[in-house]
Protein backbone atom coordinates (compact mmCIF):
# COMPACT_ATOMS: atom_id res chain seq x y z
CA UNK A 1 34.73 44.02 9.72
CA UNK A 2 32.16 43.45 12.42
CA UNK A 3 31.28 40.05 13.75
CA UNK A 4 28.12 38.41 14.95
CA UNK A 5 27.19 39.41 18.47
CA UNK A 6 25.19 37.19 20.77
CA UNK A 7 22.40 38.97 22.60
CA UNK A 8 20.98 37.47 25.74
CA UNK A 9 17.52 38.70 24.81
CA UNK A 10 17.54 36.13 22.01
CA UNK A 11 17.33 33.44 24.70
CA UNK A 12 13.82 34.63 25.51
CA UNK A 13 12.62 33.44 22.11
CA UNK A 14 14.07 29.96 22.78
CA UNK A 15 12.18 29.49 26.04
CA UNK A 16 8.85 28.31 24.49
CA UNK A 17 10.60 25.73 22.31
CA UNK A 18 12.76 24.50 25.19
CA UNK A 19 9.74 24.22 27.49
CA UNK A 20 7.80 22.20 24.91
CA UNK A 21 10.81 19.98 24.30
CA UNK A 22 11.27 19.30 28.01
CA UNK A 23 7.56 18.77 28.57
CA UNK A 24 6.75 16.50 25.63
CA UNK A 25 10.05 14.67 25.06
CA UNK A 26 12.51 14.77 27.96
CA UNK A 27 9.96 14.31 30.76
CA UNK A 28 8.10 11.38 29.11
CA UNK A 29 11.43 9.79 28.20
CA UNK A 30 12.66 9.94 31.79
CA UNK A 31 9.33 8.63 33.06
CA UNK A 32 9.56 5.73 30.61
CA UNK A 33 13.01 4.87 31.93
CA UNK A 34 11.71 4.94 35.49
CA UNK A 35 8.59 2.86 34.87
CA UNK A 36 10.61 0.30 32.91
CA UNK A 37 11.96 -0.79 36.30
CA UNK A 38 8.49 -1.21 37.79
CA UNK A 39 5.48 -3.47 37.62
CA UNK A 40 2.66 -1.07 36.78
CA UNK A 41 -0.65 -1.43 34.99
CA UNK A 42 -1.18 2.30 34.54
CA UNK A 43 -3.75 2.63 37.33
CA UNK A 44 -2.78 1.17 40.70
CA UNK A 45 0.38 1.96 42.64
CA UNK A 46 3.50 0.76 40.86
CA UNK A 47 5.89 -1.76 42.33
CA UNK A 48 9.64 -1.36 41.85
CA UNK A 49 11.12 -4.63 40.51
CA UNK A 50 14.56 -3.55 39.31
CA UNK A 51 15.67 -5.27 36.12
CA UNK A 52 12.79 -7.74 36.24
CA UNK A 53 11.20 -6.47 33.04
CA UNK A 54 14.51 -6.64 31.17
CA UNK A 55 15.10 -10.20 32.38
CA UNK A 56 11.61 -11.06 31.15
CA UNK A 57 12.44 -9.55 27.75
CA UNK A 58 15.53 -11.73 27.48
CA UNK A 59 13.32 -14.80 27.98
CA UNK A 60 10.46 -13.62 25.75
CA UNK A 61 10.65 -15.68 22.56
CA UNK A 62 8.02 -13.58 20.76
CA UNK A 63 9.93 -10.36 21.39
CA UNK A 64 13.26 -11.92 20.39
CA UNK A 65 11.73 -13.10 17.12
CA UNK A 66 10.21 -9.67 16.51
CA UNK A 67 13.60 -8.05 17.11
CA UNK A 68 15.29 -10.40 14.66
CA UNK A 69 12.49 -9.69 12.19
CA UNK A 70 12.97 -5.92 12.36
CA UNK A 71 16.68 -6.33 11.61
CA UNK A 72 15.68 -8.21 8.47
CA UNK A 73 13.40 -5.27 7.70
CA UNK A 74 16.32 -2.86 8.21
CA UNK A 75 18.46 -4.74 5.71
CA UNK A 76 15.63 -4.92 3.17
CA UNK A 77 14.95 -1.20 3.62
CA UNK A 78 18.59 -0.28 3.05
CA UNK A 79 18.83 -2.41 -0.08
CA UNK A 80 15.52 -1.58 -1.70
CA UNK A 81 14.39 1.72 -0.16
CA UNK A 82 17.67 3.63 -0.05
CA UNK A 83 19.39 1.61 -2.79
CA UNK A 84 16.61 1.98 -5.34
CA UNK A 85 16.20 5.66 -4.44
CA UNK A 86 19.91 6.20 -5.09
CA UNK A 87 19.85 4.44 -8.45
CA UNK A 88 16.60 6.15 -9.48
CA UNK A 89 17.95 9.57 -8.56
CA UNK A 90 21.07 8.91 -10.62
CA UNK A 91 19.04 7.82 -13.66
CA UNK A 92 16.55 10.70 -13.43
CA UNK A 93 19.11 13.42 -12.76
CA UNK A 94 19.79 13.70 -16.47
CA UNK A 95 17.94 16.32 -18.49
CA UNK A 96 15.71 14.85 -21.16
CA UNK A 97 12.18 15.47 -22.51
CA UNK A 98 9.45 14.45 -20.06
CA UNK A 99 11.87 13.70 -17.21
CA UNK A 100 9.84 15.85 -14.78
CA UNK A 101 6.89 13.48 -15.22
CA UNK A 102 8.92 10.45 -14.14
CA UNK A 103 10.34 12.34 -11.16
CA UNK A 104 6.80 13.17 -10.07
CA UNK A 105 5.64 9.57 -10.49
CA UNK A 106 8.42 8.34 -8.22
CA UNK A 107 7.50 10.81 -5.47
CA UNK A 108 3.69 10.49 -5.57
CA UNK A 109 3.40 7.32 -3.40
CA UNK A 110 5.14 9.10 -0.52
CA UNK A 111 2.46 11.78 -0.21
CA UNK A 112 -0.27 9.16 0.28
CA UNK A 113 -1.28 8.25 3.82
CA UNK A 114 -0.29 4.89 5.26
CA UNK A 115 -3.98 4.00 5.70
CA UNK A 116 -4.69 4.66 2.02
CA UNK A 117 -1.67 2.60 0.97
CA UNK A 118 -2.74 -0.27 3.22
CA UNK A 119 -6.27 -0.21 1.79
CA UNK A 120 -4.96 -0.22 -1.77
CA UNK A 121 -2.51 -3.06 -1.19
CA UNK A 122 -4.96 -5.13 0.86
CA UNK A 123 -7.11 -5.25 -2.28
CA UNK A 124 -4.10 -6.01 -4.48
CA UNK A 125 -3.13 -8.87 -2.14
CA UNK A 126 -6.62 -10.43 -2.20
CA UNK A 127 -6.62 -14.02 -3.45
CA UNK A 128 -9.69 -13.69 -5.66
CA UNK A 129 -9.58 -10.16 -7.07
CA UNK A 130 -6.06 -9.10 -6.16
CA UNK A 131 -3.75 -7.78 -8.87
CA UNK A 132 -0.84 -10.05 -7.94
CA UNK A 133 -2.88 -13.24 -8.07
CA UNK A 134 -4.55 -12.21 -11.33
CA UNK A 135 -1.11 -11.75 -12.90
CA UNK A 136 0.05 -15.13 -11.58
CA UNK A 137 -3.04 -16.85 -12.97
CA UNK A 138 -2.59 -15.17 -16.33
CA UNK A 139 0.88 -16.72 -16.72
CA UNK A 140 -0.17 -20.17 -15.50
CA UNK A 141 1.13 -19.98 -11.92
CA UNK A 142 -2.15 -20.69 -10.13
CA UNK A 143 -0.38 -22.84 -7.56
CA UNK A 144 1.51 -19.81 -6.22
CA UNK A 145 -1.62 -17.70 -5.60
CA UNK A 146 -2.53 -17.31 -1.94
CA UNK A 147 -3.90 -14.98 0.71
CA UNK A 148 -0.66 -13.04 0.95
CA UNK A 149 -1.45 -11.32 4.25
CA UNK A 150 -2.82 -14.45 5.92
CA UNK A 151 -0.13 -16.90 4.88
CA UNK A 152 2.59 -17.20 7.57
CA UNK A 153 5.22 -17.56 4.84
CA UNK A 154 4.40 -14.30 3.08
CA UNK A 155 2.62 -12.06 5.61
CA UNK A 156 5.67 -10.21 6.91
CA UNK A 157 7.27 -9.68 3.51
CA UNK A 158 3.98 -8.56 2.00
CA UNK A 159 3.51 -5.91 4.69
CA UNK A 160 7.01 -4.42 4.74
CA UNK A 161 7.05 -4.18 0.94
CA UNK A 162 4.48 -1.37 1.25
CA UNK A 163 6.44 1.14 3.42
CA UNK A 164 9.63 0.29 1.54
CA UNK A 165 7.97 1.07 -1.79
CA UNK A 166 6.28 4.19 -0.43
CA UNK A 167 9.45 5.71 1.06
CA UNK A 168 11.52 5.40 -2.11
CA UNK A 169 10.16 8.77 -3.25
CA UNK A 170 11.22 10.44 0.01
CA UNK A 171 14.84 9.31 -0.27
CA UNK A 172 14.78 9.92 -4.00
CA UNK A 173 14.13 13.64 -3.41
CA UNK A 174 16.92 13.90 -0.81
CA UNK A 175 19.50 12.11 -2.94
CA UNK A 176 18.40 13.85 -6.14
CA UNK A 177 18.94 17.22 -4.45
CA UNK A 178 22.38 16.09 -3.27
CA UNK A 179 23.33 15.07 -6.81
CA UNK A 180 22.60 18.56 -8.06
CA UNK A 181 25.55 19.77 -5.96
CA UNK A 182 28.01 17.40 -7.64
CA UNK A 183 30.00 19.61 -10.05
CA UNK A 184 29.18 18.90 -13.68
CA UNK A 185 32.85 19.48 -14.48
CA UNK A 186 33.63 16.15 -12.80
CA UNK A 187 31.31 14.32 -15.18
CA UNK A 188 32.78 16.14 -18.17
CA UNK A 189 36.29 15.27 -17.06
CA UNK A 190 35.22 11.67 -16.60
CA UNK A 191 33.76 11.49 -20.10
CA UNK A 192 36.99 12.87 -21.51
CA UNK A 193 38.79 10.02 -19.75
CA UNK A 194 36.38 7.51 -21.27
CA UNK A 195 34.30 6.58 -18.24
CA UNK A 196 30.93 4.91 -18.76
CA UNK A 197 27.72 5.41 -16.75
CA UNK A 198 28.55 2.72 -14.20
CA UNK A 199 32.01 4.17 -13.56
CA UNK A 200 30.51 7.66 -13.26
CA UNK A 201 28.10 6.35 -10.64
CA UNK A 202 30.74 4.66 -8.47
CA UNK A 203 33.63 7.10 -8.87
CA UNK A 204 31.88 10.48 -9.16
CA UNK A 205 28.25 10.40 -8.00
CA UNK A 206 28.57 8.04 -5.03
CA UNK A 207 31.52 9.87 -3.39
CA UNK A 208 29.77 13.20 -4.04
CA UNK A 209 26.58 12.23 -2.20
CA UNK A 210 28.12 9.90 0.39
CA UNK A 211 27.47 12.14 3.41
CA UNK A 212 23.85 12.59 2.36
CA UNK A 213 23.60 8.85 1.80
CA UNK A 214 24.83 8.27 5.35
CA UNK A 215 22.01 10.49 6.61
CA UNK A 216 19.50 8.54 4.51
CA UNK A 217 20.78 5.26 5.97
CA UNK A 218 20.30 6.63 9.48
CA UNK A 219 16.79 7.89 8.69
CA UNK A 220 15.92 4.53 7.13
CA UNK A 221 17.03 2.62 10.24
CA UNK A 222 15.14 4.94 12.58
CA UNK A 223 12.02 4.81 10.43
CA UNK A 224 12.08 1.02 10.28
CA UNK A 225 12.14 0.65 14.06
CA UNK A 226 9.37 3.23 14.46
CA UNK A 227 7.07 1.85 11.75
CA UNK A 228 4.18 -0.13 13.11
CA UNK A 229 1.08 1.38 11.47
CA UNK A 230 1.30 -0.80 8.34
CA UNK A 231 1.54 -4.00 10.37
CA UNK A 232 -1.06 -2.74 12.83
CA UNK A 233 -3.58 -2.05 10.05
CA UNK A 234 -2.96 -5.09 7.83
CA UNK A 235 -2.06 -8.01 10.11
CA UNK A 236 -1.91 -6.77 13.72
CA UNK A 237 1.25 -8.81 14.08
CA UNK A 238 -0.36 -12.05 12.90
CA UNK A 239 -0.93 -14.67 11.93
CA UNK A 240 0.49 -16.20 15.11
CA UNK A 241 2.99 -13.31 15.59
CA UNK A 242 4.82 -14.02 12.30
CA UNK A 243 4.66 -10.34 11.32
CA UNK A 244 5.21 -8.96 14.83
CA UNK A 245 7.86 -6.26 15.25
CA UNK A 246 9.07 -4.57 18.47
CA UNK A 247 6.90 -1.48 17.90
CA UNK A 248 3.66 -3.48 17.62
CA UNK A 249 4.73 -5.70 20.50
CA UNK A 250 5.30 -2.60 22.64
CA UNK A 251 1.90 -1.21 21.66
CA UNK A 252 0.14 -4.43 22.70
CA UNK A 253 2.01 -4.55 26.00
CA UNK A 254 1.06 -0.95 26.80
CA UNK A 255 -2.48 -0.58 25.51
CA UNK A 256 -3.83 -4.12 25.15
CA UNK A 257 -2.39 -5.91 28.18
CA UNK A 258 -1.87 -2.74 30.31
CA UNK A 259 1.68 -3.79 31.14
CA UNK A 260 3.09 -0.27 31.30
CA UNK A 261 6.29 -1.28 33.07
CA UNK A 262 7.05 -4.07 30.63
CA UNK A 263 6.03 -1.93 27.66
CA UNK A 264 8.39 0.80 28.89
CA UNK A 265 11.22 -1.73 29.04
CA UNK A 266 10.48 -2.81 25.46
CA UNK A 267 10.54 0.86 24.42
CA UNK A 268 13.95 1.29 26.03
CA UNK A 269 15.33 -1.77 24.24
CA UNK A 270 14.08 -0.34 20.94
CA UNK A 271 15.72 3.00 21.79
CA UNK A 272 19.05 1.34 22.63
CA UNK A 273 18.99 -0.70 19.41
CA UNK A 274 18.34 2.41 17.30
CA UNK A 275 21.03 4.36 19.16
CA UNK A 276 23.60 1.58 18.70
CA UNK A 277 22.85 1.21 14.98
CA UNK A 278 22.92 4.98 14.46
CA UNK A 279 26.32 5.30 16.13
CA UNK A 280 27.60 2.34 14.13
CA UNK A 281 26.45 3.93 10.86
CA UNK A 282 28.02 7.27 11.73
CA UNK A 283 31.31 5.59 12.58
CA UNK A 284 31.52 3.27 9.59
CA UNK A 285 30.08 5.22 6.66
CA UNK A 286 30.08 8.94 7.43
CA UNK A 287 33.82 9.40 6.79
CA UNK A 288 34.19 7.07 3.80
CA UNK A 289 34.86 8.75 0.47
CA UNK A 290 35.82 11.94 2.32
CA UNK A 291 37.40 14.44 -0.02
CA UNK A 292 38.56 16.85 2.62
């Protein structure tokens, strides 16, 4: 039998992709690393200051609070975004009349733009005409009604609830597809042994989709650190920085205060945090439930 043969001419077709990758990812990344060690406003000649920007970050209370806040977001995303997607995929994997409708309903929010979602929820959060406050008034909880996006106690939670809710459909599709590869014979054998739905979930479904779940966890962490558009549109990090996250803080440093060196240092800290969490996830969860 013949084997696959590598032809050097194939490399020619990789050149455009490699050039674009080097030009639009590697080069800007290296430049960001370099300018993170400088004091530069984006216009005049930069001044090399070593680790000055990183020392400033360590003393920046607003950034430290934003970093702690995004870790809270990561935990909430893993529990509600990935967790609910996993449970929903397990429930909706069964064949029953009208099940396709419910699968579509779960996925629809994901195809909407972040701007449209923010507009919709900004109306729902309104104190006078908002859906949430109307419901609270209807059950006699007028004292709880508030301007959800303007109240320091609820602004951050109100904002992150939107991308978490919206992304459930994305992870639902991934996990639902993974569940289709779990052999039905395992479920039949489990039923013969008297397992119930909860036991099926933990002892058959979860081990069967564990590697895919590890990928979803990694994607969720990366997405959380990169998300800033919802906060940018709804609160701009306010009120008084209570909804600030590293991504919005970096944006303000770069494009509002023209602190390109400091903004580059913030970007590198974000990158290192994501890298560390990704490696941690791969080490701790990717091999669990291995059946090999």
